[in-house]
Amino acid sequence: MSAAARRRRCLAVQAALACGLLGVLPFKPRFVGFLGVVASALNCYMLFPALPKPAAAKAAPATCPAAEAPKLAAKTA
């Protein structure tokens, strides 16, 4: 999931929480509290730094045997 999608999801939870607190949506107090806990956990998660990208294994460059032939001929001569 991309960072933009995570931000949108976090904003959606915060918007639902705000609507519940204002009484726009008929949520029970326990559900409004649950939304508050979820919104708080998501905000803490968004503060974590990004994971480091895995180091790519350095592969040997693919060589063509025909390209190696002149080098070998030069070494033996």
Protein backbone atom coordinates (compact mmCIF):
# COMPACT_ATOMS: atom_id res chain seq x y z
CA MET A 1 0.00 0.00 0.00
CA SER A 2 1.38 3.39 -0.95
CA ALA A 3 1.95 6.23 1.47
CA ALA A 4 -0.80 8.27 -0.17
CA ALA A 5 -3.30 5.45 0.37
CA ARG A 6 -2.29 5.16 4.02
CA ARG A 7 -2.74 8.91 4.49
CA ARG A 8 -6.20 8.78 2.88
CA ARG A 9 -7.23 5.90 5.14
CA CYS A 10 -5.98 7.77 8.21
CA LEU A 11 -7.89 10.88 7.16
CA ALA A 12 -11.05 8.83 6.62
CA VAL A 13 -10.83 7.44 10.16
CA GLN A 14 -10.23 10.93 11.54
CA ALA A 15 -13.21 12.29 9.57
CA ALA A 16 -15.47 9.52 10.89
CA LEU A 17 -14.22 10.24 14.42
CA ALA A 18 -14.96 13.95 14.02
CA CYS A 19 -18.47 13.21 12.70
CA GLY A 20 -19.10 10.89 15.63
CA LEU A 21 -17.89 13.43 18.18
CA LEU A 22 -20.00 16.19 16.64
CA GLY A 23 -23.07 13.97 16.56
CA VAL A 24 -23.41 14.14 12.77
CA LEU A 25 -23.35 10.34 12.60
CA PRO A 26 -25.27 8.32 15.19
CA PHE A 27 -22.34 6.37 16.65
CA LYS A 28 -22.45 4.92 20.13
CA PRO A 29 -19.89 6.32 22.58
CA ARG A 30 -17.99 3.04 22.67
CA PHE A 31 -17.59 3.08 18.88
CA VAL A 32 -16.45 6.71 18.94
CA GLY A 33 -13.84 5.69 21.51
CA PHE A 34 -12.76 2.81 19.28
CA LEU A 35 -12.36 5.21 16.35
CA GLY A 36 -10.27 7.47 18.57
CA VAL A 37 -7.94 4.62 19.50
CA VAL A 38 -7.62 3.53 15.86
CA ALA A 39 -6.95 7.10 14.70
CA SER A 40 -4.31 7.52 17.40
CA ALA A 41 -2.61 4.23 16.48
CA LEU A 42 -2.60 5.16 12.79
CA ASN A 43 -1.09 8.55 13.55
CA CYS A 44 1.68 6.91 15.60
CA TYR A 45 2.28 4.44 12.76
CA MET A 46 2.58 7.30 10.27
CA LEU A 47 5.40 8.80 12.39
CA PHE A 48 7.60 5.71 11.98
CA PRO A 49 10.45 6.14 9.50
CA ALA A 50 10.33 4.17 6.30
CA LEU A 51 11.99 0.76 6.26
CA PRO A 52 15.35 0.66 4.50
CA LYS A 53 15.26 -0.79 1.02
CA PRO A 54 16.94 -4.19 0.73
CA ALA A 55 20.38 -4.08 -0.80
CA ALA A 56 20.32 -5.40 -4.32
CA ALA A 57 22.70 -8.26 -4.94
CA LYS A 58 25.42 -7.22 -7.31
CA ALA A 59 25.23 -9.62 -10.20
CA ALA A 60 28.19 -10.14 -12.44
CA PRO A 61 27.65 -8.46 -15.79
CA ALA A 62 26.46 -10.88 -18.40
CA THR A 63 29.23 -11.44 -20.89
CA CYS A 64 29.00 -12.97 -24.28
CA PRO A 65 31.60 -15.66 -25.04
CA ALA A 66 32.16 -14.04 -28.43
CA ALA A 67 33.08 -10.78 -26.73
CA GLU A 68 35.59 -12.60 -24.53
CA ALA A 69 37.38 -14.24 -27.49
CA PRO A 70 39.43 -11.17 -28.57
CA LYS A 71 40.54 -10.59 -24.98
CA LEU A 72 41.67 -14.18 -24.63
CA ALA A 73 43.47 -14.02 -27.98
CA ALA A 74 45.29 -10.84 -26.93
CA LYS A 75 46.39 -12.44 -23.64
CA THR A 76 47.80 -15.56 -25.31
CA ALA A 77 49.60 -13.65 -28.07
